[in-house]
Amino acid sequence: MRLAIVVSEFNSEVTFRMLENAKKRAGKIGANVSFVFYVPGVYDMPLAVERLLKKHNVDAVVTIGAVIKGDTRHDDIVAENAARLVADLSLKHGKPVALGITGPGMTDEQAEARAEQVPVRAVNAAANMVLRLGKLEKTVGKGTVVIDDTAYNN
């Protein structure tokens, strides 16, 4: 399985730690990280995600970012737009994009607290979706088929 990771440089004290946790998890489950692509901020992710989804050596993309609350609603706008756009790209290209973006409305302390668990869950989600979609492609016939492979859990 080949994963690409798109990581935000904004709030790098958190996101770079999240990246290391994502890479460790990928290695633990036997996934190859084909690309690590740095973007200035979460809002900039969709363009990088789209380019990576076009690559034949990428089965899924994991997004890594931390959107921390400021004095305005800017964090809401950034997080909501990024999440919506990367979900649309997943559908457009038929490949999973896992949301490893924390926030909005989050404090610095909350961001730090989520820096370990969120990227692990995002890598697990990407890997599970690749496996499940692969099984779905192989499914032939009629009747009810349940495809559930929770091979990658916390």
Protein backbone atom coordinates (compact mmCIF):
# COMPACT_ATOMS: atom_id res chain seq x y z
CA MET A 1 0.00 0.00 0.00
CA ARG A 2 1.35 3.40 -1.02
CA LEU A 3 0.37 6.47 0.96
CA ALA A 4 1.09 10.13 0.38
CA ILE A 5 1.01 12.55 3.29
CA VAL A 6 0.21 16.25 2.90
CA VAL A 7 1.30 18.21 5.95
CA SER A 8 0.68 21.84 6.87
CA GLU A 9 3.68 23.92 7.90
CA PHE A 10 1.41 26.30 9.82
CA ASN A 11 1.48 25.33 13.50
CA SER A 12 4.53 23.21 12.67
CA GLU A 13 5.35 22.60 16.33
CA VAL A 14 2.25 20.38 16.30
CA THR A 15 1.98 19.24 12.69
CA PHE A 16 5.57 18.03 12.36
CA ARG A 17 5.04 15.86 15.43
CA MET A 18 1.81 14.62 13.85
CA LEU A 19 3.74 13.78 10.68
CA GLU A 20 6.27 11.70 12.60
CA ASN A 21 3.43 9.80 14.30
CA ALA A 22 1.75 9.19 10.93
CA LYS A 23 4.99 7.88 9.39
CA LYS A 24 5.60 5.60 12.37
CA ARG A 25 2.08 4.19 12.09
CA ALA A 26 2.44 3.66 8.34
CA GLY A 27 5.66 1.74 8.92
CA LYS A 28 4.06 -0.33 11.67
CA ILE A 29 1.24 -1.49 9.37
CA GLY A 30 3.53 -2.05 6.39
CA ALA A 31 2.39 0.90 4.29
CA ASN A 32 4.95 2.70 2.16
CA VAL A 33 4.93 6.50 2.35
CA SER A 34 5.59 7.40 -1.30
CA PHE A 35 5.43 11.17 -0.81
CA VAL A 36 5.51 13.72 1.97
CA PHE A 37 4.33 17.05 0.59
CA TYR A 38 4.55 20.21 2.67
CA VAL A 39 2.05 23.02 2.16
CA PRO A 40 1.99 26.44 3.85
CA GLY A 41 -1.34 25.81 5.60
CA VAL A 42 -4.41 23.60 5.74
CA TYR A 43 -6.23 25.86 3.28
CA ASP A 44 -3.52 25.07 0.70
CA MET A 45 -3.93 21.30 0.90
CA PRO A 46 -6.54 20.60 -1.80
CA LEU A 47 -4.26 21.44 -4.73
CA ALA A 48 -1.49 19.19 -3.42
CA VAL A 49 -3.99 16.42 -2.62
CA GLU A 50 -5.36 16.56 -6.17
CA ARG A 51 -1.91 16.31 -7.74
CA LEU A 52 -1.00 13.36 -5.54
CA LEU A 53 -4.26 11.52 -6.24
CA LYS A 54 -3.39 11.61 -9.96
CA LYS A 55 -0.19 9.65 -9.34
CA HIS A 56 -0.25 5.91 -10.07
CA ASN A 57 2.04 5.17 -7.13
CA VAL A 58 -0.38 6.68 -4.58
CA ASP A 59 -3.25 4.57 -3.26
CA ALA A 60 -4.46 7.09 -0.67
CA VAL A 61 -3.59 10.48 0.79
CA VAL A 62 -3.41 11.39 4.47
CA THR A 63 -3.82 15.05 5.39
CA ILE A 64 -2.07 16.38 8.50
CA GLY A 65 -2.87 19.79 9.96
CA ALA A 66 -3.82 21.68 13.11
CA VAL A 67 -6.33 24.52 12.86
CA ILE A 68 -6.14 26.44 16.13
CA LYS A 69 -8.74 28.98 17.27
CA GLY A 70 -7.82 32.63 16.86
CA ASP A 71 -9.69 35.84 17.55
CA THR A 72 -11.97 35.49 14.50
CA ARG A 73 -13.88 32.71 12.72
CA HIS A 74 -10.97 32.24 10.31
CA ASP A 75 -10.26 28.77 11.76
CA ASP A 76 -13.81 27.64 10.96
CA ILE A 77 -13.54 28.83 7.36
CA VAL A 78 -10.14 27.19 6.82
CA ALA A 79 -11.06 23.82 8.32
CA GLU A 80 -14.51 23.56 6.75
CA ASN A 81 -13.34 24.47 3.27
CA ALA A 82 -10.32 22.19 3.37
CA ALA A 83 -12.36 19.24 4.62
CA ARG A 84 -15.06 19.73 1.99
CA LEU A 85 -12.60 20.11 -0.86
CA VAL A 86 -10.46 17.08 0.00
CA ALA A 87 -13.62 14.97 0.37
CA ASP A 88 -14.71 16.11 -3.09
CA LEU A 89 -11.27 15.18 -4.48
CA SER A 90 -11.51 11.71 -2.96
CA LEU A 91 -14.78 11.15 -4.80
CA LYS A 92 -13.49 12.68 -8.04
CA HIS A 93 -10.40 10.46 -8.16
CA GLY A 94 -11.85 7.35 -6.52
CA LYS A 95 -9.10 7.14 -3.93
CA PRO A 96 -9.30 7.62 -0.15
CA VAL A 97 -8.25 10.88 1.47
CA ALA A 98 -8.02 10.61 5.24
CA LEU A 99 -8.73 13.68 7.33
CA GLY A 100 -5.93 14.08 9.85
CA ILE A 101 -6.71 17.74 10.43
CA THR A 102 -7.56 18.77 13.97
CA GLY A 103 -9.79 21.74 14.75
CA PRO A 104 -11.44 24.17 14.31
CA GLY A 105 -12.18 25.82 17.63
CA MET A 106 -9.20 24.14 19.23
CA THR A 107 -6.76 25.59 21.75
CA ASP A 108 -2.99 25.11 21.61
CA GLU A 109 -3.29 22.61 24.45
CA GLN A 110 -5.97 20.63 22.64
CA ALA A 111 -3.84 20.57 19.50
CA GLU A 112 -0.91 19.17 21.46
CA ALA A 113 -3.14 16.56 23.10
CA ARG A 114 -4.40 15.33 19.70
CA ALA A 115 -1.01 15.23 17.96
CA GLU A 116 -0.46 11.54 18.61
CA GLN A 117 -3.85 9.93 18.17
CA VAL A 118 -5.29 11.84 15.19
CA PRO A 119 -2.54 11.01 12.66
CA VAL A 120 -2.59 7.35 13.72
CA ARG A 121 -6.34 7.23 13.14
CA ALA A 122 -5.96 8.99 9.77
CA VAL A 123 -3.36 6.47 8.57
CA ASN A 124 -5.56 3.62 9.81
CA ALA A 125 -8.57 5.06 7.97
CA ALA A 126 -6.63 5.46 4.71
CA ALA A 127 -5.25 1.93 4.92
CA ASN A 128 -8.60 0.37 5.79
CA MET A 129 -10.31 2.17 2.91
CA VAL A 130 -7.67 1.00 0.43
CA LEU A 131 -8.20 -2.59 1.61
CA ARG A 132 -11.99 -2.37 1.58
CA LEU A 133 -12.18 -0.72 -1.83
CA GLY A 134 -9.85 -3.40 -3.18
CA LYS A 135 -12.18 -6.08 -1.87
CA LEU A 136 -15.17 -4.27 -3.32
CA GLU A 137 -13.53 -4.28 -6.75
CA LYS A 138 -13.15 -8.07 -6.54
CA THR A 139 -16.75 -8.66 -5.45
CA VAL A 140 -18.83 -10.38 -8.11
CA GLY A 141 -22.31 -11.77 -7.89
CA LYS A 142 -25.60 -10.97 -6.29
CA GLY A 143 -26.86 -10.82 -2.77
CA THR A 144 -25.69 -8.98 0.28
CA VAL A 145 -21.96 -8.70 0.75
CA VAL A 146 -20.51 -7.18 3.90
CA ILE A 147 -17.04 -5.77 3.47
CA ASP A 148 -15.45 -5.00 6.82
CA ASP A 149 -11.76 -5.35 7.39
CA THR A 150 -10.66 -3.58 10.50
CA ALA A 151 -7.10 -4.79 10.12
CA TYR A 152 -5.71 -1.43 11.15
CA ASN A 153 -6.98 -0.19 14.47
CA ASN A 154 -5.51 2.06 17.14
